[in-house]
Amino acid sequence: MSQLKLYRDDGLIARLIGRVLGDAVGWPVLQILLGMAPGVVAIILQGAHPSDGLVAGCVIWLVLLGGISSGRPHDDRLRWAVPSVLRAAEYGAILWMATVAGASSQPAAFALLGVVAFRQYDLVYRLRYRGGLPAAWVSLVSLGWDGRLVGVLVLLLVGGLPGGLYVMAGLLAIVLVGESIHSWTSSLRVDDASDVYEDEEDEAA
């Protein structure tokens, strides 16, 4: 899998849609932008007071088009923009849903986005400096951008905001930060042990 596809942070829903509908024609970044379009129009026209049905339709459309893009080859001229556009789509949709739920939900949304930003940071720098990725179970638990959007949408529809966002952010933070600390400290211990072994070999020679 290419680095760009790893940085997408797709969840089970997006990957399934990509496998089923990934033969659709189009550049991935343009498909994501098309998925964002109804939400952007709704924000311009309705602001913080759209119907629940409209919000649900916009989020589902975004997940559908973003999922389709996951199954496309990332080899076009705009492939470099895919992860950033997906982050803008995810962050924007979460903030919009929180705003629709009321001002008290906005801090909770930023708490969740802080955890999601840590997830992206960890993906990039663990691959860059350690040449590895978090375990598969971590990706499953983090839900992917698509799973997080669907989760926040469900919370909005059942009236579970802002409390649900705080719980979601807290649980993800415990799992993601805890696993990252364990992984990095374990790697450092292995590196230190290798350095000691090499020093002993040099002294023996």
C-alpha atoms as a PDB file:
ATOM      1  CA  MET A   1       0.000   0.000   0.000  1.00  0.00           C
ATOM      2  CA  SER A   2       1.321   3.465  -0.910  1.00  0.00           C
ATOM      3  CA  GLN A   3       2.101   6.082   1.725  1.00  0.00           C
ATOM      4  CA  LEU A   4      -0.685   8.297   0.404  1.00  0.00           C
ATOM      5  CA  LYS A   5      -3.232   5.554   0.963  1.00  0.00           C
ATOM      6  CA  LEU A   6      -1.889   4.960   4.455  1.00  0.00           C
ATOM      7  CA  TYR A   7      -2.160   8.660   5.263  1.00  0.00           C
ATOM      8  CA  ARG A   8      -5.809   8.630   4.171  1.00  0.00           C
ATOM      9  CA  ASP A   9      -6.621   6.720   7.382  1.00  0.00           C
ATOM     10  CA  ASP A  10      -9.541   4.852   5.828  1.00  0.00           C
ATOM     11  CA  GLY A  11     -11.785   2.777   8.063  1.00  0.00           C
ATOM     12  CA  LEU A  12     -13.772  -0.351   7.335  1.00  0.00           C
ATOM     13  CA  ILE A  13     -16.657   1.511   5.699  1.00  0.00           C
ATOM     14  CA  ALA A  14     -14.482   3.438   3.242  1.00  0.00           C
ATOM     15  CA  ARG A  15     -12.428   0.371   2.356  1.00  0.00           C
ATOM     16  CA  LEU A  16     -15.554  -1.675   1.714  1.00  0.00           C
ATOM     17  CA  ILE A  17     -17.048   1.031  -0.502  1.00  0.00           C
ATOM     18  CA  GLY A  18     -13.734   1.334  -2.329  1.00  0.00           C
ATOM     19  CA  ARG A  19     -13.628  -2.379  -3.059  1.00  0.00           C
ATOM     20  CA  VAL A  20     -17.225  -2.437  -4.307  1.00  0.00           C
ATOM     21  CA  LEU A  21     -17.380   0.876  -6.200  1.00  0.00           C
ATOM     22  CA  GLY A  22     -13.727   1.749  -6.734  1.00  0.00           C
ATOM     23  CA  ASP A  23     -13.990   1.256 -10.497  1.00  0.00           C
ATOM     24  CA  ALA A  24     -15.802   4.600 -10.786  1.00  0.00           C
ATOM     25  CA  VAL A  25     -14.012   7.056 -13.053  1.00  0.00           C
ATOM     26  CA  GLY A  26     -12.296  10.094 -11.548  1.00  0.00           C
ATOM     27  CA  TRP A  27      -9.307  11.392  -9.642  1.00  0.00           C
ATOM     28  CA  PRO A  28      -9.563  10.645  -5.893  1.00  0.00           C
ATOM     29  CA  VAL A  29      -9.162  14.268  -4.802  1.00  0.00           C
ATOM     30  CA  LEU A  30     -11.942  15.395  -7.146  1.00  0.00           C
ATOM     31  CA  GLN A  31     -14.230  12.661  -5.853  1.00  0.00           C
ATOM     32  CA  ILE A  32     -13.621  13.824  -2.283  1.00  0.00           C
ATOM     33  CA  LEU A  33     -14.295  17.439  -3.235  1.00  0.00           C
ATOM     34  CA  LEU A  34     -17.529  16.333  -4.901  1.00  0.00           C
ATOM     35  CA  GLY A  35     -18.402  14.527  -1.691  1.00  0.00           C
ATOM     36  CA  MET A  36     -17.810  17.728   0.281  1.00  0.00           C
ATOM     37  CA  ALA A  37     -19.868  19.929  -2.052  1.00  0.00           C
ATOM     38  CA  PRO A  38     -23.383  19.308  -0.613  1.00  0.00           C
ATOM     39  CA  GLY A  39     -22.145  19.980   2.909  1.00  0.00           C
ATOM     40  CA  VAL A  40     -20.459  23.220   1.872  1.00  0.00           C
ATOM     41  CA  VAL A  41     -23.646  24.383   0.132  1.00  0.00           C
ATOM     42  CA  ALA A  42     -25.732  23.415   3.163  1.00  0.00           C
ATOM     43  CA  ILE A  43     -23.441  25.379   5.464  1.00  0.00           C
ATOM     44  CA  ILE A  44     -23.680  28.445   3.226  1.00  0.00           C
ATOM     45  CA  LEU A  45     -27.460  28.266   2.915  1.00  0.00           C
ATOM     46  CA  GLN A  46     -28.511  26.815   6.276  1.00  0.00           C
ATOM     47  CA  GLY A  47     -25.602  27.564   8.587  1.00  0.00           C
ATOM     48  CA  ALA A  48     -26.061  26.034  12.034  1.00  0.00           C
ATOM     49  CA  HIS A  49     -29.772  25.324  11.569  1.00  0.00           C
ATOM     50  CA  PRO A  50     -30.188  22.583   8.951  1.00  0.00           C
ATOM     51  CA  SER A  51     -32.543  19.669   9.428  1.00  0.00           C
ATOM     52  CA  ASP A  52     -31.145  16.420  10.776  1.00  0.00           C
ATOM     53  CA  GLY A  53     -32.029  14.779   7.483  1.00  0.00           C
ATOM     54  CA  LEU A  54     -29.971  17.282   5.523  1.00  0.00           C
ATOM     55  CA  VAL A  55     -26.958  16.795   7.789  1.00  0.00           C
ATOM     56  CA  ALA A  56     -27.266  13.028   7.532  1.00  0.00           C
ATOM     57  CA  GLY A  57     -27.562  13.185   3.749  1.00  0.00           C
ATOM     58  CA  CYS A  58     -24.464  15.373   3.419  1.00  0.00           C
ATOM     59  CA  VAL A  59     -22.347  13.179   5.711  1.00  0.00           C
ATOM     60  CA  ILE A  60     -23.460   9.939   4.056  1.00  0.00           C
ATOM     61  CA  TRP A  61     -22.721  11.416   0.614  1.00  0.00           C
ATOM     62  CA  LEU A  62     -19.245  12.448   1.796  1.00  0.00           C
ATOM     63  CA  VAL A  63     -18.530   8.977   3.182  1.00  0.00           C
ATOM     64  CA  LEU A  64     -19.785   7.398  -0.040  1.00  0.00           C
ATOM     65  CA  LEU A  65     -17.679   9.539  -2.384  1.00  0.00           C
ATOM     66  CA  GLY A  66     -14.661   9.451  -0.075  1.00  0.00           C
ATOM     67  CA  GLY A  67     -15.011   5.687   0.111  1.00  0.00           C
ATOM     68  CA  ILE A  68     -15.155   5.379  -3.663  1.00  0.00           C
ATOM     69  CA  SER A  69     -11.962   7.419  -3.891  1.00  0.00           C
ATOM     70  CA  SER A  70     -10.183   4.928  -1.620  1.00  0.00           C
ATOM     71  CA  GLY A  71     -10.491   2.265  -4.292  1.00  0.00           C
ATOM     72  CA  ARG A  72      -9.013   4.409  -7.045  1.00  0.00           C
ATOM     73  CA  PRO A  73      -5.305   4.387  -8.006  1.00  0.00           C
ATOM     74  CA  HIS A  74      -3.506   7.350  -6.432  1.00  0.00           C
ATOM     75  CA  ASP A  75      -1.282   8.119  -9.404  1.00  0.00           C
ATOM     76  CA  ASP A  76      -2.662  11.352 -10.850  1.00  0.00           C
ATOM     77  CA  ARG A  77      -1.170  14.846 -10.650  1.00  0.00           C
ATOM     78  CA  LEU A  78      -3.236  15.829  -7.609  1.00  0.00           C
ATOM     79  CA  ARG A  79      -2.632  12.680  -5.567  1.00  0.00           C
ATOM     80  CA  TRP A  80      -0.489  14.617  -3.058  1.00  0.00           C
ATOM     81  CA  ALA A  81      -3.562  16.606  -1.976  1.00  0.00           C
ATOM     82  CA  VAL A  82      -5.732  13.618  -1.050  1.00  0.00           C
ATOM     83  CA  PRO A  83      -4.797  13.267   2.660  1.00  0.00           C
ATOM     84  CA  SER A  84      -5.088  17.003   3.299  1.00  0.00           C
ATOM     85  CA  VAL A  85      -8.449  17.277   1.551  1.00  0.00           C
ATOM     86  CA  LEU A  86      -9.753  14.295   3.511  1.00  0.00           C
ATOM     87  CA  ARG A  87      -8.635  15.906   6.771  1.00  0.00           C
ATOM     88  CA  ALA A  88     -10.403  19.132   5.810  1.00  0.00           C
ATOM     89  CA  ALA A  89     -13.545  17.136   4.990  1.00  0.00           C
ATOM     90  CA  GLU A  90     -13.460  15.191   8.250  1.00  0.00           C
ATOM     91  CA  TYR A  91     -12.624  18.139  10.504  1.00  0.00           C
ATOM     92  CA  GLY A  92     -15.124  20.427   8.786  1.00  0.00           C
ATOM     93  CA  ALA A  93     -17.956  17.891   8.986  1.00  0.00           C
ATOM     94  CA  ILE A  94     -17.327  17.178  12.678  1.00  0.00           C
ATOM     95  CA  LEU A  95     -17.258  20.882  13.530  1.00  0.00           C
ATOM     96  CA  TRP A  96     -20.433  21.473  11.522  1.00  0.00           C
ATOM     97  CA  MET A  97     -22.291  18.669  13.313  1.00  0.00           C
ATOM     98  CA  ALA A  98     -21.113  19.986  16.674  1.00  0.00           C
ATOM     99  CA  THR A  99     -22.260  23.493  15.772  1.00  0.00           C
ATOM    100  CA  VAL A 100     -25.659  22.150  14.735  1.00  0.00           C
ATOM    101  CA  ALA A 101     -25.939  20.438  18.135  1.00  0.00           C
ATOM    102  CA  GLY A 102     -25.256  23.709  19.964  1.00  0.00           C
ATOM    103  CA  ALA A 103     -22.420  25.850  21.252  1.00  0.00           C
ATOM    104  CA  SER A 104     -21.725  23.475  24.149  1.00  0.00           C
ATOM    105  CA  SER A 105     -20.704  20.774  21.674  1.00  0.00           C
ATOM    106  CA  GLN A 106     -17.998  22.809  19.984  1.00  0.00           C
ATOM    107  CA  PRO A 107     -15.340  22.349  22.709  1.00  0.00           C
ATOM    108  CA  ALA A 108     -16.091  18.619  22.652  1.00  0.00           C
ATOM    109  CA  ALA A 109     -15.560  18.582  18.894  1.00  0.00           C
ATOM    110  CA  PHE A 110     -12.153  20.223  19.285  1.00  0.00           C
ATOM    111  CA  ALA A 111     -11.256  17.636  21.930  1.00  0.00           C
ATOM    112  CA  LEU A 112     -12.003  14.888  19.411  1.00  0.00           C
ATOM    113  CA  LEU A 113     -10.142  16.687  16.629  1.00  0.00           C
ATOM    114  CA  GLY A 114      -7.097  17.000  18.869  1.00  0.00           C
ATOM    115  CA  VAL A 115      -7.026  13.223  19.259  1.00  0.00           C
ATOM    116  CA  VAL A 116      -7.547  12.718  15.528  1.00  0.00           C
ATOM    117  CA  ALA A 117      -4.691  15.123  14.782  1.00  0.00           C
ATOM    118  CA  PHE A 118      -2.461  13.062  17.086  1.00  0.00           C
ATOM    119  CA  ARG A 119      -3.452   9.958  15.115  1.00  0.00           C
ATOM    120  CA  GLN A 120      -2.352  11.604  11.845  1.00  0.00           C
ATOM    121  CA  TYR A 121       0.892  12.855  13.389  1.00  0.00           C
ATOM    122  CA  ASP A 122       1.675   9.401  14.729  1.00  0.00           C
ATOM    123  CA  LEU A 123       1.002   7.751  11.364  1.00  0.00           C
ATOM    124  CA  VAL A 124       3.315  10.104   9.494  1.00  0.00           C
ATOM    125  CA  TYR A 125       6.226  10.235  11.906  1.00  0.00           C
ATOM    126  CA  ARG A 126       6.201   6.595  12.950  1.00  0.00           C
ATOM    127  CA  LEU A 127       6.463   5.615   9.293  1.00  0.00           C
ATOM    128  CA  ARG A 128       9.102   8.278   8.624  1.00  0.00           C
ATOM    129  CA  TYR A 129      11.396   7.564  11.574  1.00  0.00           C
ATOM    130  CA  ARG A 130      10.630   3.948  12.443  1.00  0.00           C
ATOM    131  CA  GLY A 131       9.611   2.558   9.082  1.00  0.00           C
ATOM    132  CA  GLY A 132       6.548   0.971  10.629  1.00  0.00           C
ATOM    133  CA  LEU A 133       2.888   1.555  11.367  1.00  0.00           C
ATOM    134  CA  PRO A 134       0.608   1.069  14.364  1.00  0.00           C
ATOM    135  CA  ALA A 135      -0.771  -2.436  14.771  1.00  0.00           C
ATOM    136  CA  ALA A 136      -3.820  -3.360  12.714  1.00  0.00           C
ATOM    137  CA  TRP A 137      -6.020  -3.375  15.814  1.00  0.00           C
ATOM    138  CA  VAL A 138      -5.166   0.290  16.444  1.00  0.00           C
ATOM    139  CA  SER A 139      -6.439   1.253  13.003  1.00  0.00           C
ATOM    140  CA  LEU A 140      -9.595  -0.746  13.686  1.00  0.00           C
ATOM    141  CA  VAL A 141     -10.218   0.949  17.031  1.00  0.00           C
ATOM    142  CA  SER A 142      -9.512   4.441  15.644  1.00  0.00           C
ATOM    143  CA  LEU A 143     -12.422   3.855  13.200  1.00  0.00           C
ATOM    144  CA  GLY A 144     -10.869   5.730  10.280  1.00  0.00           C
ATOM    145  CA  TRP A 145     -12.116   9.104   9.065  1.00  0.00           C
ATOM    146  CA  ASP A 146     -15.304   7.493   7.766  1.00  0.00           C
ATOM    147  CA  GLY A 147     -16.122   5.626  10.967  1.00  0.00           C
ATOM    148  CA  ARG A 148     -15.548   8.730  13.060  1.00  0.00           C
ATOM    149  CA  LEU A 149     -17.901  10.757  10.867  1.00  0.00           C
ATOM    150  CA  VAL A 150     -20.603   8.114  11.054  1.00  0.00           C
ATOM    151  CA  GLY A 151     -20.112   7.860  14.815  1.00  0.00           C
ATOM    152  CA  VAL A 152     -20.509  11.608  15.341  1.00  0.00           C
ATOM    153  CA  LEU A 153     -23.558  11.631  13.046  1.00  0.00           C
ATOM    154  CA  VAL A 154     -25.228   8.891  15.087  1.00  0.00           C
ATOM    155  CA  LEU A 155     -24.500  10.805  18.289  1.00  0.00           C
ATOM    156  CA  LEU A 156     -26.041  13.923  16.776  1.00  0.00           C
ATOM    157  CA  LEU A 157     -29.185  12.108  15.647  1.00  0.00           C
ATOM    158  CA  VAL A 158     -29.769  10.455  19.033  1.00  0.00           C
ATOM    159  CA  GLY A 159     -29.050  13.647  20.980  1.00  0.00           C
ATOM    160  CA  GLY A 160     -25.791  12.329  22.390  1.00  0.00           C
ATOM    161  CA  LEU A 161     -23.770  15.533  22.012  1.00  0.00           C
ATOM    162  CA  PRO A 162     -21.676  16.902  23.604  1.00  0.00           C
ATOM    163  CA  GLY A 163     -21.215  14.065  26.092  1.00  0.00           C
ATOM    164  CA  GLY A 164     -20.713  11.433  23.414  1.00  0.00           C
ATOM    165  CA  LEU A 165     -17.935  13.448  21.803  1.00  0.00           C
ATOM    166  CA  TYR A 166     -16.057  13.735  25.104  1.00  0.00           C
ATOM    167  CA  VAL A 167     -16.381   9.998  25.682  1.00  0.00           C
ATOM    168  CA  MET A 168     -15.271   9.243  22.122  1.00  0.00           C
ATOM    169  CA  ALA A 169     -12.308  11.607  22.430  1.00  0.00           C
ATOM    170  CA  GLY A 170     -11.303  10.214  25.810  1.00  0.00           C
ATOM    171  CA  LEU A 171     -11.423   6.572  24.760  1.00  0.00           C
ATOM    172  CA  LEU A 172      -9.520   7.213  21.545  1.00  0.00           C
ATOM    173  CA  ALA A 173      -6.923   9.258  23.408  1.00  0.00           C
ATOM    174  CA  ILE A 174      -6.301   6.468  25.922  1.00  0.00           C
ATOM    175  CA  VAL A 175      -5.883   3.859  23.179  1.00  0.00           C
ATOM    176  CA  LEU A 176      -3.937   5.886  20.626  1.00  0.00           C
ATOM    177  CA  VAL A 177      -1.616   7.775  22.959  1.00  0.00           C
ATOM    178  CA  GLY A 178      -1.043   4.727  25.163  1.00  0.00           C
ATOM    179  CA  GLU A 179      -0.182   2.468  22.224  1.00  0.00           C
ATOM    180  CA  SER A 180       2.055   5.108  20.673  1.00  0.00           C
ATOM    181  CA  ILE A 181       4.029   5.622  23.900  1.00  0.00           C
ATOM    182  CA  HIS A 182       4.429   1.868  24.324  1.00  0.00           C
ATOM    183  CA  SER A 183       5.560   1.418  20.727  1.00  0.00           C
ATOM    184  CA  TRP A 184       8.102   4.244  20.783  1.00  0.00           C
ATOM    185  CA  THR A 185       9.571   3.318  24.168  1.00  0.00           C
ATOM    186  CA  SER A 186       9.821  -0.340  23.112  1.00  0.00           C
ATOM    187  CA  SER A 187      11.634   0.673  19.939  1.00  0.00           C
ATOM    188  CA  LEU A 188      14.051   2.839  21.899  1.00  0.00           C
ATOM    189  CA  ARG A 189      14.835  -0.031  24.269  1.00  0.00           C
ATOM    190  CA  VAL A 190      15.564  -2.295  21.300  1.00  0.00           C
ATOM    191  CA  ASP A 191      17.812   0.359  19.742  1.00  0.00           C
ATOM    192  CA  ASP A 192      19.682   0.865  23.027  1.00  0.00           C
ATOM    193  CA  ALA A 193      20.200  -2.877  23.393  1.00  0.00           C
ATOM    194  CA  SER A 194      21.553  -3.064  19.829  1.00  0.00           C
ATOM    195  CA  ASP A 195      23.975  -0.210  20.507  1.00  0.00           C
ATOM    196  CA  VAL A 196      25.290  -1.918  23.656  1.00  0.00           C
ATOM    197  CA  TYR A 197      25.756  -5.192  21.762  1.00  0.00           C
ATOM    198  CA  GLU A 198      27.653  -3.452  18.964  1.00  0.00           C
ATOM    199  CA  ASP A 199      29.886  -1.636  21.504  1.00  0.00           C
ATOM    200  CA  GLU A 200      30.712  -4.932  23.212  1.00  0.00           C
ATOM    201  CA  GLU A 201      31.597  -6.488  19.851  1.00  0.00           C
ATOM    202  CA  ASP A 202      33.911  -3.567  19.057  1.00  0.00           C
ATOM    203  CA  GLU A 203      35.674  -3.873  22.411  1.00  0.00           C
ATOM    204  CA  ALA A 204      36.135  -7.630  21.954  1.00  0.00           C
ATOM    205  CA  ALA A 205      37.659  -7.084  18.536  1.00  0.00           C
END
